[in-house]
Amino acid sequence: MRRWFTRLAFVGVLLHAALGTAETPPTPAAQLAGVDRLFYTTYERAVQAVLADGPPAFLVLPERLVLYRRGVRQEWPLIPPQFNELKTIAHVTLGLFAVLGPPDGGPLAAEDVVALQRFQGDIDVARTAIEQADLSPAQRERQEQILTASTQLAARALTDGHMPASELTDFCRRMRPLVEANVRESVIAYLDELNRRMAAALPALAEPERDQYLVIVTGVHQARIDNAAMQYFNRLLRDPAVITQRLMYAENVSDEAGALHLLGIHLMARRVGSAYFDDPYYMNRDLFAPAASVYVPTMQLPGP
C-alpha cells in the first residue's frame, strides 16, 4: 500500500509540474531576452577580440600611461611627487568641509568627532611629510598656512561641538587662493610629466601610426568637462573632430580593464559602422538619433 501511495504522489508531482508549465508559458519578452543574451555574449567576445588588431592606443590611467600596440604593452609612471604632495594638502581642507558641512551648524555627531580627531593626527603626519618634500620655500610656506588653519578649525569644532555654517564658509574662502595655487602647480607638474612621457613614446610609432593612434583618458564624472589630460591631447592631436573619436573620455573608469573595454567597444563600433552603413564612425553617435531627430519635433509634449 505504501508503495502505491508513493507512486501516486510521484505521478501527482509530475502532473502538477506539467500543468504548471502549460498554464504559464514563457512570455515573448522572456523568450526574446534569451535571444538578446546571446547577442550581448557574442558581442562582448568580439569587443575583446578586436583589441589586438586595432591601431596603437594610449590609456591615461590615474597613475600611469599605458601604450597598447600590436599586442605589446608598455607603461610609464605618470604622477610626479609634487602633484601628490600639493593635491593631498588641498584635500585636507576639503576633508574638513566634508565633516563639518553636512551638520550645517548643528551639533557634531559621534562619528564627526572621531573624524576630526583623526584629521588632527593626519595633519601632524602631513606637516612632517611636507618638511621632507622637495618644495620651494614659497610652496612650503603655503602648505604650512593651510595645515595651521585646518588644525585651528578642527580644534575649534571639537571644543564647541559644532561649527557655524558662516564660519565654515569663511574658512573655505580664506583657503581658496591657497588651494587654487596648489591645484595650479600640481596640474603643471602633471602635464609636464605627461608631455615628457609622450615625447619619449611617440618616436617608437611608425609614421602612419602617429596619425592613427587613439587615446583613452580615464576619470570621474565631474572631471569630464575641460579635463586637463583631454585638453593636452586635444592640442597634441591638433583638435580632432569629436565624431572621429581618436580621443575618448572614459567616465567613472579608473582601471586598465575598464579603459580597454571602452577601446574595444569603439574598435568594434568602427567595424559595425563600416559593414552596415559604409561609415566607420556611424556608431559613434546614438543609433536612435536620426529617427529621434525627426520624431521629437512632432511630439505633443506635456506642459510645464
Protein backbone atom coordinates (compact mmCIF):
# COMPACT_ATOMS: atom_id res chain seq x y z
CA MET A 1 0.00 0.00 0.00
CA ARG A 2 2.81 2.43 0.91
CA ARG A 3 4.48 1.77 -2.46
CA TRP A 4 1.20 2.53 -4.25
CA PHE A 5 0.79 5.83 -2.41
CA THR A 6 4.40 6.72 -3.17
CA ARG A 7 3.91 6.12 -6.88
CA LEU A 8 0.67 8.09 -6.83
CA ALA A 9 2.38 11.02 -5.15
CA PHE A 10 5.21 10.93 -7.69
CA VAL A 11 2.73 10.94 -10.59
CA GLY A 12 0.93 13.86 -8.95
CA VAL A 13 4.13 15.86 -8.78
CA LEU A 14 4.83 15.24 -12.46
CA LEU A 15 1.27 16.13 -13.42
CA HIS A 16 1.37 19.33 -11.38
CA ALA A 17 4.67 20.32 -12.99
CA ALA A 18 3.31 19.63 -16.44
CA LEU A 19 0.10 21.57 -15.79
CA GLY A 20 2.10 24.43 -14.26
CA THR A 21 4.24 24.61 -17.35
CA ALA A 22 1.23 24.53 -19.59
CA GLU A 23 -0.53 27.24 -17.59
CA THR A 24 2.43 29.67 -17.60
CA PRO A 25 4.17 29.58 -20.98
CA PRO A 26 7.17 31.88 -21.40
CA THR A 27 6.16 35.36 -22.46
CA PRO A 28 7.52 36.77 -25.73
CA ALA A 29 9.65 39.13 -23.68
CA ALA A 30 11.17 36.24 -21.73
CA GLN A 31 11.88 34.32 -24.93
CA LEU A 32 13.46 37.34 -26.61
CA ALA A 33 15.57 38.06 -23.54
CA GLY A 34 17.34 34.76 -24.14
CA VAL A 35 17.98 35.70 -27.75
CA ASP A 36 19.33 39.10 -26.68
CA ARG A 37 21.63 37.49 -24.12
CA LEU A 38 23.29 35.59 -26.94
CA PHE A 39 23.88 38.88 -28.77
CA TYR A 40 25.45 40.51 -25.72
CA THR A 41 27.65 37.48 -25.06
CA THR A 42 28.96 37.22 -28.61
CA TYR A 43 29.38 40.98 -29.00
CA GLU A 44 31.34 41.19 -25.75
CA ARG A 45 33.61 38.43 -27.00
CA ALA A 46 34.14 40.37 -30.24
CA VAL A 47 34.97 43.54 -28.30
CA GLN A 48 37.81 41.68 -26.59
CA ALA A 49 38.96 40.02 -29.83
CA VAL A 50 39.40 43.23 -31.85
CA LEU A 51 41.77 44.82 -29.33
CA ALA A 52 44.77 43.04 -30.83
CA ASP A 53 44.03 44.31 -34.34
CA GLY A 54 43.40 47.98 -33.61
CA PRO A 55 45.70 50.97 -34.03
CA PRO A 56 48.07 51.92 -31.21
CA ALA A 57 46.24 53.23 -28.17
CA PHE A 58 47.38 55.22 -25.14
CA LEU A 59 45.47 54.72 -21.91
CA VAL A 60 45.76 57.61 -19.48
CA LEU A 61 45.10 55.96 -16.11
CA PRO A 62 45.08 57.66 -12.69
CA GLU A 63 48.75 56.95 -12.02
CA ARG A 64 50.28 55.67 -15.24
CA LEU A 65 50.32 55.90 -19.03
CA VAL A 66 49.90 52.64 -20.94
CA LEU A 67 50.54 52.03 -24.65
CA TYR A 68 48.95 49.05 -26.43
CA ARG A 69 50.49 48.39 -29.84
CA ARG A 70 50.23 45.19 -31.88
CA GLY A 71 49.69 43.06 -28.82
CA VAL A 72 52.62 44.60 -26.90
CA ARG A 73 52.03 46.59 -23.74
CA GLN A 74 54.27 49.33 -22.32
CA GLU A 75 53.65 51.53 -19.31
CA TRP A 76 55.19 54.57 -17.66
CA PRO A 77 54.53 56.19 -14.26
CA LEU A 78 52.62 59.41 -14.67
CA ILE A 79 52.36 61.14 -11.29
CA PRO A 80 55.34 63.25 -10.15
CA PRO A 81 55.85 63.59 -6.37
CA GLN A 82 54.90 67.27 -6.30
CA PHE A 83 51.49 66.51 -7.80
CA ASN A 84 50.53 64.25 -4.91
CA GLU A 85 52.09 66.46 -2.26
CA LEU A 86 50.25 69.63 -3.26
CA LYS A 87 46.99 67.84 -4.06
CA THR A 88 46.94 66.00 -0.74
CA ILE A 89 47.35 69.17 1.30
CA ALA A 90 44.49 70.76 -0.66
CA HIS A 91 42.41 67.68 0.15
CA VAL A 92 42.84 68.33 3.88
CA THR A 93 40.59 71.39 3.67
CA LEU A 94 38.04 69.52 1.56
CA GLY A 95 38.04 66.64 4.05
CA LEU A 96 37.26 69.03 6.90
CA PHE A 97 34.44 70.53 4.88
CA ALA A 98 33.07 67.03 4.27
CA VAL A 99 32.89 66.50 8.04
CA LEU A 100 31.61 69.93 9.07
CA GLY A 101 29.42 70.83 6.11
CA PRO A 102 26.55 68.33 6.44
CA PRO A 103 25.65 69.27 10.07
CA ASP A 104 25.10 72.84 8.75
CA GLY A 105 26.00 74.45 12.06
CA GLY A 106 24.24 71.83 14.19
CA PRO A 107 25.80 69.57 16.83
CA LEU A 108 28.51 67.21 15.67
CA ALA A 109 27.64 63.53 15.61
CA ALA A 110 29.88 61.00 17.32
CA GLU A 111 31.36 59.89 14.01
CA ASP A 112 32.11 63.54 13.15
CA VAL A 113 34.09 63.89 16.36
CA VAL A 114 36.08 60.76 15.56
CA ALA A 115 36.78 62.00 12.02
CA LEU A 116 38.01 65.38 13.29
CA GLN A 117 40.29 63.71 15.81
CA ARG A 118 41.74 61.56 13.05
CA PHE A 119 42.23 64.66 10.89
CA GLN A 120 44.24 66.24 13.69
CA GLY A 121 46.58 63.27 13.68
CA ASP A 122 46.76 63.21 9.88
CA ILE A 123 47.58 66.91 9.75
CA ASP A 124 50.58 66.26 12.00
CA VAL A 125 51.67 63.49 9.63
CA ALA A 126 51.21 65.80 6.64
CA ARG A 127 53.27 68.54 8.27
CA THR A 128 56.17 66.12 8.83
CA ALA A 129 55.95 64.88 5.24
CA ILE A 130 55.92 68.40 3.79
CA GLU A 131 59.05 69.28 5.76
CA GLN A 132 60.83 66.45 3.93
CA ALA A 133 59.33 67.11 0.46
CA ASP A 134 61.20 68.81 -2.37
CA LEU A 135 59.22 72.07 -2.39
CA SER A 136 60.20 75.68 -2.88
CA PRO A 137 60.19 77.98 0.17
CA ALA A 138 57.00 79.65 -1.09
CA GLN A 139 55.29 76.28 -1.57
CA ARG A 140 56.36 75.09 1.84
CA GLU A 141 55.05 78.26 3.49
CA ARG A 142 51.71 77.84 1.71
CA GLN A 143 51.31 74.28 2.91
CA GLU A 144 52.06 75.40 6.46
CA GLN A 145 49.36 78.07 6.20
CA ILE A 146 46.81 75.51 5.02
CA LEU A 147 47.69 72.98 7.70
CA THR A 148 47.75 75.54 10.51
CA ALA A 149 44.34 76.94 9.56
CA SER A 150 42.97 73.40 9.26
CA THR A 151 44.30 72.45 12.69
CA GLN A 152 42.70 75.51 14.24
CA LEU A 153 39.35 74.79 12.56
CA ALA A 154 39.28 71.16 13.74
CA ALA A 155 40.24 72.17 17.29
CA ARG A 156 37.55 74.86 17.40
CA ALA A 157 34.87 72.46 16.20
CA LEU A 158 35.86 69.81 18.74
CA THR A 159 35.85 72.34 21.59
CA ASP A 160 32.48 73.85 20.72
CA GLY A 161 30.81 70.66 19.50
CA HIS A 162 29.63 72.43 16.36
CA MET A 163 30.82 74.76 13.61
CA PRO A 164 28.62 77.68 12.49
CA ALA A 165 27.99 77.50 8.75
CA SER A 166 29.13 81.12 8.29
CA GLU A 167 32.49 80.38 9.93
CA LEU A 168 32.99 77.26 7.81
CA THR A 169 32.28 79.30 4.68
CA ASP A 170 34.77 81.93 5.85
CA PHE A 171 37.40 79.21 6.29
CA CYS A 172 36.75 77.91 2.75
CA ARG A 173 37.01 81.39 1.25
CA ARG A 174 40.29 82.05 3.07
CA MET A 175 41.65 78.73 1.85
CA ARG A 176 40.54 79.24 -1.75
CA PRO A 177 43.60 81.18 -3.05
CA LEU A 178 45.95 78.77 -1.29
CA VAL A 179 44.13 75.72 -2.66
CA GLU A 180 43.97 77.21 -6.16
CA ALA A 181 47.73 77.80 -6.10
CA ASN A 182 48.27 74.17 -5.09
CA VAL A 183 45.93 72.98 -7.83
CA ARG A 184 47.63 75.14 -10.47
CA GLU A 185 51.13 73.96 -9.59
CA SER A 186 50.13 70.30 -9.25
CA VAL A 187 48.45 70.35 -12.67
CA ILE A 188 51.53 71.92 -14.25
CA ALA A 189 53.69 69.19 -12.73
CA TYR A 190 51.27 66.51 -14.01
CA LEU A 191 51.05 67.89 -17.55
CA ASP A 192 54.82 68.33 -17.78
CA GLU A 193 55.25 64.69 -16.79
CA LEU A 194 52.61 63.57 -19.31
CA ASN A 195 54.35 65.59 -22.02
CA ARG A 196 57.71 64.01 -21.19
CA ARG A 197 56.23 60.53 -21.39
CA MET A 198 54.53 61.20 -24.72
CA ALA A 199 57.71 62.76 -26.14
CA ALA A 200 59.52 59.52 -25.30
CA ALA A 201 56.75 57.20 -26.52
CA LEU A 202 55.74 58.75 -29.87
CA PRO A 203 59.09 58.18 -31.66
CA ALA A 204 58.52 54.43 -31.23
CA LEU A 205 55.45 54.65 -33.50
CA ALA A 206 55.77 54.34 -37.26
CA GLU A 207 54.88 57.45 -39.25
CA PRO A 208 51.37 56.22 -40.29
CA GLU A 209 50.64 55.18 -36.68
CA ARG A 210 51.17 58.75 -35.48
CA ASP A 211 48.08 59.79 -37.43
CA GLN A 212 46.06 56.80 -36.23
CA TYR A 213 46.76 56.24 -32.55
CA LEU A 214 43.87 56.50 -30.13
CA VAL A 215 43.76 57.90 -26.60
CA ILE A 216 41.52 56.86 -23.71
CA VAL A 217 41.54 59.27 -20.76
CA THR A 218 40.02 57.84 -17.58
CA GLY A 219 38.43 59.96 -14.86
CA VAL A 220 35.46 60.75 -12.67
CA HIS A 221 32.14 62.07 -13.94
CA GLN A 222 32.67 65.70 -12.92
CA ALA A 223 36.13 65.94 -14.49
CA ARG A 224 34.89 65.10 -17.98
CA ILE A 225 34.38 68.81 -18.74
CA ASP A 226 37.66 70.54 -19.65
CA ASN A 227 39.67 67.62 -18.25
CA ALA A 228 43.38 68.54 -18.09
CA ALA A 229 44.60 65.47 -19.98
CA MET A 230 41.84 65.88 -22.57
CA GLN A 231 42.97 69.48 -23.15
CA TYR A 232 46.55 68.27 -23.60
CA PHE A 233 45.67 65.56 -26.11
CA ASN A 234 43.27 67.80 -27.99
CA ARG A 235 46.20 70.06 -28.75
CA LEU A 236 48.61 67.18 -29.40
CA LEU A 237 46.17 65.62 -31.87
CA ARG A 238 45.54 69.02 -33.46
CA ASP A 239 41.97 69.32 -32.15
CA PRO A 240 40.44 66.30 -33.93
CA ALA A 241 36.76 66.21 -34.83
CA VAL A 242 34.78 64.70 -31.95
CA ILE A 243 32.94 62.23 -34.17
CA THR A 244 36.14 60.52 -35.31
CA GLN A 245 36.78 59.59 -31.67
CA ARG A 246 40.56 59.41 -31.65
CA LEU A 247 40.34 60.92 -28.17
CA MET A 248 37.81 59.46 -25.73
CA TYR A 249 36.95 60.12 -22.11
CA ALA A 250 36.20 57.00 -20.04
CA GLU A 251 33.76 58.38 -17.49
CA ASN A 252 33.91 56.85 -14.00
CA VAL A 253 36.63 54.42 -15.15
CA SER A 254 39.79 54.16 -13.05
CA ASP A 255 41.42 50.89 -14.11
CA GLU A 256 43.07 49.41 -17.16
CA ALA A 257 40.37 46.80 -17.77
CA GLY A 258 37.67 49.48 -17.98
CA ALA A 259 39.75 51.62 -20.35
CA LEU A 260 40.48 48.63 -22.60
CA HIS A 261 36.80 47.72 -22.65
CA LEU A 262 35.89 51.18 -23.92
CA LEU A 263 38.65 50.94 -26.51
CA GLY A 264 37.32 47.57 -27.70
CA ILE A 265 33.78 48.96 -27.92
CA HIS A 266 34.95 51.77 -30.19
CA LEU A 267 37.04 49.47 -32.38
CA MET A 268 34.10 47.11 -32.79
CA ALA A 269 31.78 50.05 -33.49
CA ARG A 270 34.04 51.07 -36.38
CA ARG A 271 33.68 47.64 -37.92
CA VAL A 272 29.91 47.64 -37.49
CA GLY A 273 29.64 51.15 -38.93
CA SER A 274 31.68 50.21 -41.99
CA ALA A 275 29.78 46.97 -42.58
CA TYR A 276 26.24 48.30 -42.16
CA PHE A 277 26.46 51.99 -43.10
CA ASP A 278 29.70 52.36 -45.09
CA ASP A 279 30.82 54.81 -42.38
CA PRO A 280 33.30 53.69 -39.69
CA TYR A 281 32.13 56.49 -37.37
CA TYR A 282 28.38 55.96 -37.76
CA MET A 283 28.12 54.10 -34.45
CA ASN A 284 29.89 56.89 -32.56
CA ARG A 285 26.50 58.52 -32.10
CA ASP A 286 23.24 57.22 -30.70
CA LEU A 287 21.80 54.74 -33.19
CA PHE A 288 18.35 56.13 -32.37
CA ALA A 289 19.46 59.71 -33.14
CA PRO A 290 18.28 60.02 -36.78
CA ALA A 291 14.78 58.69 -36.03
CA ALA A 292 14.53 60.72 -32.82
CA SER A 293 15.56 63.95 -34.56
CA VAL A 294 12.64 63.51 -36.96
CA TYR A 295 10.03 62.37 -34.43
CA VAL A 296 10.73 64.54 -31.34
CA PRO A 297 9.74 67.84 -33.05
CA THR A 298 6.33 66.32 -33.91
CA MET A 299 5.52 65.10 -30.37
CA GLN A 300 2.85 66.64 -28.19
CA LEU A 301 4.84 67.33 -25.04
CA PRO A 302 3.37 67.77 -21.55
CA GLY A 303 3.03 71.32 -20.30
CA PRO A 304 5.19 72.94 -17.60
